[in-house]
Amino acid sequence: MPTSGKCPSPRRTTAVADAAGTIPHLLFRLGDQHYALAIEQVIEVAAMVELVETPDIDDVFLGVANRHGAPLPVLDLRPVFRHPVPAVDTTTLFIVAHAAQQSAGLVVDEVLRIAHFDSSSLSQHVVRDRFVRSVVTHGDQMVQLLALSSLLAHYLPQAVSVHVEGEQTQ
């Protein structure tokens, strides 16, 4: 997949299965594991930009990016799922995603492609992880489907407040 690209806006798509009974997801890789986000939650895939490092940065919360004039918190998913964490640089990709009234940039190792999963397979709960809602088989790969709302609620418990120059704060 290209290093930057727009995906359908969450406002223009729904989680409803298509005529074939499948739901599109964006597949990505962390370490040697495959993960996916429902395409309705994906806004775009972007290359890393300069981050504002706030006092509360840690291994997961990397800072805040300026996305089209709006602050966007950036989270590194690799330590969340216990994968090695290479240095973040300009070749690092992140997925801009939105769920439960929150948006964030999600750093991943590689964005792979769009995959369609049978809607009946998405309800299988075979995991005990609050950040993974299901595990499905796609070809010869096991794919973990993220519970994005839970992930964002845990790592972004309150709105990240950043003053962007030229904007008035309330």
N, C-alpha and C. Protein backbone atom coordinates (compact mmCIF):
# COMPACT_ATOMS: atom_id res chain seq x y z
N MET A 1 0.86 -1.18 0.00
CA MET A 1 0.00 0.00 0.00
C MET A 1 0.89 1.23 0.00
N PRO A 2 0.51 2.31 -0.65
CA PRO A 2 1.32 3.51 -0.68
C PRO A 2 1.52 4.07 0.72
N THR A 3 2.56 4.90 0.86
CA THR A 3 2.89 5.44 2.17
C THR A 3 1.92 6.48 2.65
N SER A 4 1.09 6.99 1.82
CA SER A 4 0.09 7.95 2.25
C SER A 4 -1.13 7.80 1.37
N GLY A 5 -2.29 7.83 1.98
CA GLY A 5 -3.49 7.73 1.18
C GLY A 5 -4.72 7.91 2.01
N LYS A 6 -5.75 8.35 1.36
CA LYS A 6 -7.02 8.57 2.04
C LYS A 6 -7.85 7.30 1.99
N CYS A 7 -8.58 7.05 3.05
CA CYS A 7 -9.54 5.97 3.11
C CYS A 7 -10.91 6.61 3.26
N PRO A 8 -11.96 5.85 3.02
CA PRO A 8 -13.28 6.44 3.16
C PRO A 8 -13.47 7.05 4.54
N SER A 9 -14.12 8.19 4.58
CA SER A 9 -14.39 8.88 5.84
C SER A 9 -15.39 8.10 6.66
N PRO A 10 -15.24 8.11 8.01
CA PRO A 10 -16.20 7.41 8.85
C PRO A 10 -17.62 7.92 8.66
N ARG A 11 -17.78 9.15 8.21
CA ARG A 11 -19.11 9.72 8.03
C ARG A 11 -19.77 9.21 6.75
N ARG A 12 -19.00 8.62 5.84
CA ARG A 12 -19.56 8.18 4.56
C ARG A 12 -19.72 6.68 4.46
N THR A 13 -19.28 5.94 5.45
CA THR A 13 -19.39 4.49 5.39
C THR A 13 -20.05 3.98 6.66
N THR A 14 -20.49 2.75 6.63
CA THR A 14 -21.09 2.14 7.80
C THR A 14 -20.51 0.75 7.97
N ALA A 15 -20.80 0.14 9.12
CA ALA A 15 -20.30 -1.20 9.40
C ALA A 15 -21.18 -2.27 8.78
N VAL A 16 -22.13 -1.87 7.99
CA VAL A 16 -23.04 -2.82 7.36
C VAL A 16 -22.27 -3.65 6.34
N ALA A 17 -22.54 -4.94 6.36
CA ALA A 17 -21.88 -5.83 5.41
C ALA A 17 -22.38 -5.53 4.00
N ASP A 18 -21.51 -5.77 3.02
CA ASP A 18 -21.91 -5.57 1.62
C ASP A 18 -22.81 -6.73 1.18
N ALA A 19 -23.17 -6.74 -0.09
CA ALA A 19 -24.09 -7.76 -0.61
C ALA A 19 -23.55 -9.17 -0.41
N ALA A 20 -22.23 -9.32 -0.40
CA ALA A 20 -21.62 -10.63 -0.22
C ALA A 20 -21.51 -11.01 1.26
N GLY A 21 -21.96 -10.13 2.16
CA GLY A 21 -21.89 -10.42 3.59
C GLY A 21 -20.52 -10.19 4.19
N THR A 22 -19.72 -9.34 3.56
CA THR A 22 -18.38 -9.08 4.08
C THR A 22 -18.24 -7.62 4.53
N ILE A 23 -17.31 -7.39 5.44
CA ILE A 23 -17.04 -6.05 5.95
C ILE A 23 -15.56 -5.74 5.67
N PRO A 24 -15.27 -4.59 5.01
CA PRO A 24 -13.88 -4.26 4.70
C PRO A 24 -13.10 -3.80 5.93
N HIS A 25 -11.84 -4.22 5.98
CA HIS A 25 -10.92 -3.85 7.06
C HIS A 25 -9.57 -3.48 6.45
N LEU A 26 -8.86 -2.59 7.12
CA LEU A 26 -7.49 -2.25 6.73
C LEU A 26 -6.55 -3.17 7.50
N LEU A 27 -5.80 -3.99 6.77
CA LEU A 27 -4.83 -4.90 7.37
C LEU A 27 -3.50 -4.19 7.57
N PHE A 28 -2.87 -4.44 8.72
CA PHE A 28 -1.54 -3.90 8.98
C PHE A 28 -0.75 -4.89 9.81
N ARG A 29 0.55 -4.64 9.88
CA ARG A 29 1.46 -5.55 10.57
C ARG A 29 2.14 -4.84 11.73
N LEU A 30 2.24 -5.56 12.85
CA LEU A 30 3.08 -5.17 13.99
C LEU A 30 3.97 -6.37 14.25
N GLY A 31 5.28 -6.20 14.11
CA GLY A 31 6.17 -7.35 14.23
C GLY A 31 5.79 -8.37 13.17
N ASP A 32 5.62 -9.63 13.59
CA ASP A 32 5.23 -10.66 12.62
C ASP A 32 3.74 -11.01 12.71
N GLN A 33 2.98 -10.20 13.42
CA GLN A 33 1.55 -10.44 13.59
C GLN A 33 0.72 -9.51 12.70
N HIS A 34 -0.44 -9.99 12.28
CA HIS A 34 -1.35 -9.19 11.46
C HIS A 34 -2.54 -8.72 12.29
N TYR A 35 -2.92 -7.47 12.05
CA TYR A 35 -4.03 -6.83 12.75
C TYR A 35 -4.90 -6.13 11.71
N ALA A 36 -6.10 -5.72 12.14
CA ALA A 36 -6.98 -5.01 11.22
C ALA A 36 -7.88 -4.04 11.98
N LEU A 37 -8.25 -2.99 11.27
CA LEU A 37 -9.23 -2.01 11.74
C LEU A 37 -10.38 -1.99 10.74
N ALA A 38 -11.60 -1.87 11.22
CA ALA A 38 -12.73 -1.71 10.31
C ALA A 38 -12.49 -0.46 9.48
N ILE A 39 -12.70 -0.54 8.19
CA ILE A 39 -12.39 0.58 7.30
C ILE A 39 -13.19 1.82 7.67
N GLU A 40 -14.36 1.65 8.27
CA GLU A 40 -15.15 2.81 8.69
C GLU A 40 -14.44 3.63 9.77
N GLN A 41 -13.46 3.03 10.45
CA GLN A 41 -12.72 3.74 11.49
C GLN A 41 -11.46 4.42 10.96
N VAL A 42 -11.11 4.13 9.72
CA VAL A 42 -9.86 4.64 9.14
C VAL A 42 -10.14 5.91 8.35
N ILE A 43 -9.38 6.96 8.65
CA ILE A 43 -9.50 8.22 7.92
C ILE A 43 -8.46 8.29 6.82
N GLU A 44 -7.20 7.99 7.17
CA GLU A 44 -6.13 8.00 6.18
C GLU A 44 -4.91 7.28 6.74
N VAL A 45 -3.96 6.99 5.86
CA VAL A 45 -2.65 6.47 6.22
C VAL A 45 -1.66 7.57 5.87
N ALA A 46 -0.76 7.89 6.81
CA ALA A 46 0.15 9.01 6.60
C ALA A 46 1.56 8.66 7.04
N ALA A 47 2.53 9.39 6.49
CA ALA A 47 3.92 9.27 6.93
C ALA A 47 4.10 10.13 8.17
N MET A 48 5.06 9.76 8.99
CA MET A 48 5.31 10.45 10.25
C MET A 48 5.62 11.92 10.02
N VAL A 49 5.13 12.73 10.91
CA VAL A 49 5.39 14.17 10.91
C VAL A 49 6.01 14.54 12.25
N GLU A 50 6.44 15.78 12.37
CA GLU A 50 7.01 16.23 13.64
C GLU A 50 5.93 16.21 14.72
N LEU A 51 6.31 15.73 15.89
CA LEU A 51 5.37 15.63 17.01
C LEU A 51 5.71 16.63 18.09
N VAL A 52 4.69 17.18 18.72
CA VAL A 52 4.87 18.00 19.92
C VAL A 52 4.94 17.01 21.08
N GLU A 53 6.05 17.03 21.80
CA GLU A 53 6.22 16.11 22.93
C GLU A 53 5.67 16.77 24.19
N THR A 54 4.55 16.28 24.66
CA THR A 54 3.94 16.80 25.87
C THR A 54 4.56 16.12 27.09
N PRO A 55 4.38 16.68 28.29
CA PRO A 55 5.00 16.09 29.48
C PRO A 55 4.57 14.66 29.78
N ASP A 56 3.43 14.23 29.27
CA ASP A 56 2.94 12.89 29.59
C ASP A 56 3.28 11.84 28.54
N ILE A 57 4.28 12.11 27.68
CA ILE A 57 4.65 11.09 26.69
C ILE A 57 5.25 9.87 27.38
N ASP A 58 5.09 8.73 26.76
CA ASP A 58 5.67 7.49 27.26
C ASP A 58 5.90 6.56 26.07
N ASP A 59 6.03 5.27 26.31
CA ASP A 59 6.29 4.33 25.22
C ASP A 59 5.14 4.24 24.23
N VAL A 60 3.92 4.50 24.68
CA VAL A 60 2.75 4.39 23.81
C VAL A 60 2.32 5.75 23.29
N PHE A 61 2.15 6.72 24.17
CA PHE A 61 1.74 8.07 23.75
C PHE A 61 2.98 8.84 23.33
N LEU A 62 3.16 9.02 22.02
CA LEU A 62 4.38 9.62 21.48
C LEU A 62 4.34 11.14 21.44
N GLY A 63 3.15 11.72 21.45
CA GLY A 63 3.02 13.16 21.36
C GLY A 63 1.82 13.53 20.49
N VAL A 64 1.83 14.77 20.02
CA VAL A 64 0.70 15.30 19.26
C VAL A 64 1.19 15.80 17.91
N ALA A 65 0.50 15.40 16.85
CA ALA A 65 0.80 15.86 15.49
C ALA A 65 -0.17 16.96 15.11
N ASN A 66 0.27 17.83 14.21
CA ASN A 66 -0.60 18.84 13.64
C ASN A 66 -1.17 18.25 12.36
N ARG A 67 -2.44 17.84 12.41
CA ARG A 67 -3.10 17.24 11.24
C ARG A 67 -4.07 18.25 10.66
N HIS A 68 -3.67 18.89 9.59
CA HIS A 68 -4.51 19.87 8.91
C HIS A 68 -4.99 20.96 9.87
N GLY A 69 -4.10 21.39 10.77
CA GLY A 69 -4.41 22.46 11.70
C GLY A 69 -5.08 22.01 12.99
N ALA A 70 -5.33 20.73 13.14
CA ALA A 70 -5.96 20.21 14.37
C ALA A 70 -5.00 19.27 15.09
N PRO A 71 -4.96 19.32 16.42
CA PRO A 71 -4.08 18.42 17.17
C PRO A 71 -4.57 16.97 17.07
N LEU A 72 -3.62 16.06 16.85
CA LEU A 72 -3.93 14.64 16.75
C LEU A 72 -2.96 13.86 17.65
N PRO A 73 -3.44 13.22 18.71
CA PRO A 73 -2.55 12.40 19.53
C PRO A 73 -2.05 11.21 18.71
N VAL A 74 -0.79 10.85 18.92
CA VAL A 74 -0.18 9.74 18.18
C VAL A 74 0.24 8.66 19.17
N LEU A 75 -0.26 7.44 18.94
CA LEU A 75 0.02 6.29 19.80
C LEU A 75 0.83 5.27 19.02
N ASP A 76 1.80 4.65 19.68
CA ASP A 76 2.59 3.57 19.07
C ASP A 76 1.95 2.26 19.50
N LEU A 77 1.39 1.52 18.57
CA LEU A 77 0.72 0.26 18.90
C LEU A 77 1.70 -0.87 19.22
N ARG A 78 2.95 -0.73 18.84
CA ARG A 78 3.90 -1.84 19.03
C ARG A 78 4.09 -2.21 20.49
N PRO A 79 4.33 -1.27 21.41
CA PRO A 79 4.45 -1.69 22.81
C PRO A 79 3.12 -2.16 23.42
N VAL A 80 2.00 -1.67 22.91
CA VAL A 80 0.70 -2.11 23.42
C VAL A 80 0.55 -3.62 23.24
N PHE A 81 0.99 -4.12 22.08
CA PHE A 81 0.85 -5.54 21.76
C PHE A 81 2.17 -6.31 21.91
N ARG A 82 3.10 -5.72 22.66
CA ARG A 82 4.37 -6.38 23.03
C ARG A 82 5.23 -6.78 21.83
N HIS A 83 5.40 -5.85 20.91
CA HIS A 83 6.26 -6.06 19.75
C HIS A 83 7.49 -5.16 19.87
N PRO A 84 8.60 -5.54 19.23
CA PRO A 84 9.79 -4.68 19.24
C PRO A 84 9.44 -3.30 18.69
N VAL A 85 10.13 -2.29 19.21
CA VAL A 85 9.83 -0.91 18.83
C VAL A 85 11.05 -0.28 18.17
N PRO A 86 11.12 -0.34 16.83
CA PRO A 86 12.21 0.37 16.15
C PRO A 86 12.01 1.88 16.32
N ALA A 87 13.06 2.62 16.08
CA ALA A 87 12.98 4.08 16.19
C ALA A 87 11.95 4.64 15.22
N VAL A 88 11.25 5.66 15.67
CA VAL A 88 10.28 6.35 14.81
C VAL A 88 11.04 7.39 14.00
N ASP A 89 10.85 7.37 12.67
CA ASP A 89 11.50 8.35 11.80
C ASP A 89 10.54 8.73 10.68
N THR A 90 11.03 9.43 9.68
CA THR A 90 10.15 9.92 8.61
C THR A 90 9.60 8.80 7.72
N THR A 91 10.14 7.59 7.81
CA THR A 91 9.60 6.47 7.04
C THR A 91 8.52 5.71 7.81
N THR A 92 8.33 6.06 9.07
CA THR A 92 7.32 5.41 9.90
C THR A 92 5.92 5.82 9.44
N LEU A 93 5.04 4.84 9.34
CA LEU A 93 3.66 5.11 8.95
C LEU A 93 2.75 5.14 10.17
N PHE A 94 1.69 5.92 10.06
CA PHE A 94 0.64 5.84 11.07
C PHE A 94 -0.71 5.90 10.39
N ILE A 95 -1.67 5.26 11.04
CA ILE A 95 -3.05 5.22 10.55
C ILE A 95 -3.83 6.24 11.37
N VAL A 96 -4.47 7.18 10.70
CA VAL A 96 -5.36 8.11 11.39
C VAL A 96 -6.71 7.41 11.50
N ALA A 97 -7.13 7.16 12.74
CA ALA A 97 -8.36 6.40 12.98
C ALA A 97 -9.27 7.15 13.94
N HIS A 98 -10.55 6.81 13.89
CA HIS A 98 -11.55 7.51 14.69
C HIS A 98 -12.56 6.50 15.24
N ALA A 99 -12.84 6.62 16.54
CA ALA A 99 -13.88 5.80 17.17
C ALA A 99 -14.31 6.49 18.46
N ALA A 100 -15.57 6.36 18.79
CA ALA A 100 -16.12 6.87 20.05
C ALA A 100 -15.74 8.33 20.29
N GLN A 101 -15.93 9.17 19.30
CA GLN A 101 -15.68 10.61 19.41
C GLN A 101 -14.21 10.97 19.63
N GLN A 102 -13.29 10.04 19.39
CA GLN A 102 -11.86 10.32 19.53
C GLN A 102 -11.14 9.91 18.26
N SER A 103 -10.11 10.69 17.91
CA SER A 103 -9.24 10.36 16.78
C SER A 103 -7.82 10.25 17.29
N ALA A 104 -7.04 9.42 16.62
CA ALA A 104 -5.63 9.27 16.99
C ALA A 104 -4.86 8.75 15.79
N GLY A 105 -3.56 9.03 15.79
CA GLY A 105 -2.65 8.42 14.84
C GLY A 105 -2.11 7.16 15.48
N LEU A 106 -2.12 6.05 14.78
CA LEU A 106 -1.68 4.76 15.31
C LEU A 106 -0.45 4.30 14.53
N VAL A 107 0.71 4.30 15.19
CA VAL A 107 1.95 3.89 14.54
C VAL A 107 1.96 2.38 14.38
N VAL A 108 2.27 1.93 13.15
CA VAL A 108 2.33 0.51 12.82
C VAL A 108 3.63 0.24 12.06
N ASP A 109 3.99 -1.04 11.93
CA ASP A 109 5.19 -1.39 11.17
C ASP A 109 4.96 -1.32 9.67
N GLU A 110 3.79 -1.80 9.23
CA GLU A 110 3.51 -1.81 7.79
C GLU A 110 2.01 -1.86 7.55
N VAL A 111 1.54 -1.06 6.61
CA VAL A 111 0.15 -1.13 6.17
C VAL A 111 0.12 -2.07 4.98
N LEU A 112 -0.75 -3.08 5.02
CA LEU A 112 -0.72 -4.13 4.01
C LEU A 112 -1.74 -3.93 2.89
N ARG A 113 -3.02 -3.98 3.19
CA ARG A 113 -4.06 -3.89 2.15
C ARG A 113 -5.43 -3.84 2.81
N ILE A 114 -6.44 -3.72 1.97
CA ILE A 114 -7.83 -3.83 2.41
C ILE A 114 -8.23 -5.30 2.26
N ALA A 115 -8.85 -5.85 3.29
CA ALA A 115 -9.34 -7.22 3.25
C ALA A 115 -10.81 -7.22 3.65
N HIS A 116 -11.56 -8.14 3.09
CA HIS A 116 -12.99 -8.26 3.41
C HIS A 116 -13.19 -9.52 4.24
N PHE A 117 -13.78 -9.34 5.43
CA PHE A 117 -14.04 -10.47 6.32
C PHE A 117 -15.53 -10.76 6.35
N ASP A 118 -15.87 -12.04 6.36
CA ASP A 118 -17.25 -12.46 6.45
C ASP A 118 -17.84 -11.94 7.76
N SER A 119 -18.98 -11.28 7.68
CA SER A 119 -19.57 -10.67 8.87
C SER A 119 -19.88 -11.69 9.96
N SER A 120 -20.16 -12.94 9.61
CA SER A 120 -20.45 -13.95 10.63
C SER A 120 -19.20 -14.33 11.42
N SER A 121 -18.01 -14.17 10.83
CA SER A 121 -16.78 -14.53 11.55
C SER A 121 -16.35 -13.44 12.53
N LEU A 122 -16.92 -12.25 12.40
CA LEU A 122 -16.50 -11.14 13.26
C LEU A 122 -17.05 -11.23 14.67
N SER A 123 -18.04 -12.06 14.89
CA SER A 123 -18.64 -12.14 16.21
C SER A 123 -17.96 -13.18 17.10
N GLN A 124 -16.99 -13.90 16.57
CA GLN A 124 -16.30 -14.92 17.36
C GLN A 124 -15.41 -14.25 18.39
N HIS A 125 -15.63 -14.57 19.66
CA HIS A 125 -14.82 -14.00 20.74
C HIS A 125 -13.93 -15.11 21.29
N VAL A 126 -12.73 -15.21 20.76
CA VAL A 126 -11.82 -16.27 21.18
C VAL A 126 -10.60 -15.69 21.89
N VAL A 127 -10.66 -14.41 22.25
CA VAL A 127 -9.52 -13.77 22.89
C VAL A 127 -9.93 -13.19 24.23
N ARG A 128 -8.94 -12.97 25.09
CA ARG A 128 -9.18 -12.37 26.39
C ARG A 128 -8.46 -11.04 26.49
N ASP A 129 -8.43 -10.30 25.44
CA ASP A 129 -7.71 -9.03 25.41
C ASP A 129 -8.72 -7.91 25.20
N ARG A 130 -8.65 -6.89 26.02
CA ARG A 130 -9.63 -5.80 25.90
C ARG A 130 -9.41 -4.96 24.66
N PHE A 131 -8.25 -5.07 24.00
CA PHE A 131 -7.97 -4.27 22.82
C PHE A 131 -8.17 -5.04 21.52
N VAL A 132 -8.49 -6.33 21.61
CA VAL A 132 -8.76 -7.17 20.43
C VAL A 132 -10.17 -7.70 20.57
N ARG A 133 -11.02 -7.41 19.58
CA ARG A 133 -12.41 -7.85 19.69
C ARG A 133 -12.66 -9.21 19.07
N SER A 134 -11.77 -9.64 18.18
CA SER A 134 -11.97 -10.92 17.52
C SER A 134 -10.68 -11.33 16.81
N VAL A 135 -10.56 -12.61 16.55
CA VAL A 135 -9.46 -13.13 15.73
C VAL A 135 -10.11 -13.91 14.59
N VAL A 136 -9.71 -13.59 13.37
CA VAL A 136 -10.26 -14.27 12.20
C VAL A 136 -9.12 -14.84 11.36
N THR A 137 -9.45 -15.82 10.54
CA THR A 137 -8.48 -16.38 9.61
C THR A 137 -8.65 -15.70 8.26
N HIS A 138 -7.52 -15.27 7.69
CA HIS A 138 -7.53 -14.65 6.37
C HIS A 138 -6.42 -15.31 5.57
N GLY A 139 -6.79 -16.19 4.63
CA GLY A 139 -5.78 -16.97 3.93
C GLY A 139 -5.10 -17.87 4.93
N ASP A 140 -3.78 -17.80 4.99
CA ASP A 140 -3.04 -18.60 5.96
C ASP A 140 -2.64 -17.79 7.19
N GLN A 141 -3.18 -16.60 7.34
CA GLN A 141 -2.84 -15.71 8.46
C GLN A 141 -3.98 -15.63 9.47
N MET A 142 -3.62 -15.53 10.73
CA MET A 142 -4.58 -15.18 11.77
C MET A 142 -4.50 -13.67 11.91
N VAL A 143 -5.65 -13.01 11.91
CA VAL A 143 -5.71 -11.55 11.97
C VAL A 143 -6.49 -11.15 13.22
N GLN A 144 -5.88 -10.26 14.01
CA GLN A 144 -6.53 -9.75 15.22
C GLN A 144 -7.24 -8.45 14.88
N LEU A 145 -8.54 -8.40 15.13
CA LEU A 145 -9.33 -7.20 14.85
C LEU A 145 -9.34 -6.32 16.09
N LEU A 146 -8.88 -5.09 15.93
CA LEU A 146 -8.76 -4.20 17.08
C LEU A 146 -10.10 -3.72 17.60
N ALA A 147 -10.17 -3.58 18.91
CA ALA A 147 -11.29 -2.93 19.59
C ALA A 147 -10.85 -1.49 19.80
N LEU A 148 -10.97 -0.68 18.75
CA LEU A 148 -10.41 0.67 18.74
C LEU A 148 -10.99 1.55 19.84
N SER A 149 -12.27 1.49 20.09
CA SER A 149 -12.87 2.32 21.14
C SER A 149 -12.24 2.05 22.49
N SER A 150 -12.04 0.78 22.83
CA SER A 150 -11.41 0.42 24.10
C SER A 150 -9.97 0.90 24.17
N LEU A 151 -9.25 0.74 23.07
CA LEU A 151 -7.85 1.16 23.01
C LEU A 151 -7.73 2.67 23.23
N LEU A 152 -8.54 3.44 22.51
CA LEU A 152 -8.47 4.90 22.64
C LEU A 152 -8.93 5.35 24.02
N ALA A 153 -9.97 4.73 24.56
CA ALA A 153 -10.45 5.10 25.90
C ALA A 153 -9.38 4.85 26.95
N HIS A 154 -8.60 3.79 26.78
CA HIS A 154 -7.56 3.46 27.76
C HIS A 154 -6.37 4.42 27.66
N TYR A 155 -5.90 4.67 26.45
CA TYR A 155 -4.69 5.48 26.29
C TYR A 155 -4.96 6.97 26.13
N LEU A 156 -6.19 7.35 25.85
CA LEU A 156 -6.56 8.77 25.76
C LEU A 156 -7.79 9.00 26.63
N PRO A 157 -7.67 8.83 27.95
CA PRO A 157 -8.85 8.92 28.80
C PRO A 157 -9.53 10.27 28.81
N GLN A 158 -8.80 11.32 28.52
CA GLN A 158 -9.43 12.63 28.38
C GLN A 158 -8.89 13.26 27.11
N ALA A 159 -9.59 14.26 26.65
CA ALA A 159 -9.18 14.95 25.42
C ALA A 159 -7.79 15.53 25.59
N VAL A 160 -6.97 15.39 24.56
CA VAL A 160 -5.64 15.98 24.56
C VAL A 160 -5.80 17.43 24.14
N SER A 161 -5.32 18.34 24.96
CA SER A 161 -5.49 19.76 24.70
C SER A 161 -4.16 20.37 24.28
N VAL A 162 -4.11 20.87 23.07
CA VAL A 162 -2.90 21.50 22.54
C VAL A 162 -3.31 22.80 21.88
N HIS A 163 -2.60 23.87 22.17
CA HIS A 163 -2.89 25.15 21.54
C HIS A 163 -2.17 25.20 20.20
N VAL A 164 -2.93 25.35 19.13
CA VAL A 164 -2.36 25.49 17.80
C VAL A 164 -2.28 26.97 17.51
N GLU A 165 -1.09 27.45 17.13
CA GLU A 165 -0.87 28.87 16.90
C GLU A 165 -1.92 29.43 15.94
N GLY A 166 -2.48 30.57 16.32
CA GLY A 166 -3.47 31.22 15.48
C GLY A 166 -4.90 30.86 15.86
N GLU A 167 -5.08 29.84 16.70
CA GLU A 167 -6.42 29.47 17.13
C GLU A 167 -6.67 30.00 18.53
N GLN A 168 -7.90 30.30 18.81
CA GLN A 168 -8.27 30.75 20.14
C GLN A 168 -8.64 29.55 20.99
N THR A 169 -8.18 29.55 22.24
CA THR A 169 -8.56 28.48 23.15
C THR A 169 -9.79 28.91 23.92
N GLN A 170 -10.56 27.94 24.36
CA GLN A 170 -11.80 28.27 25.08
C GLN A 170 -11.64 28.03 26.55
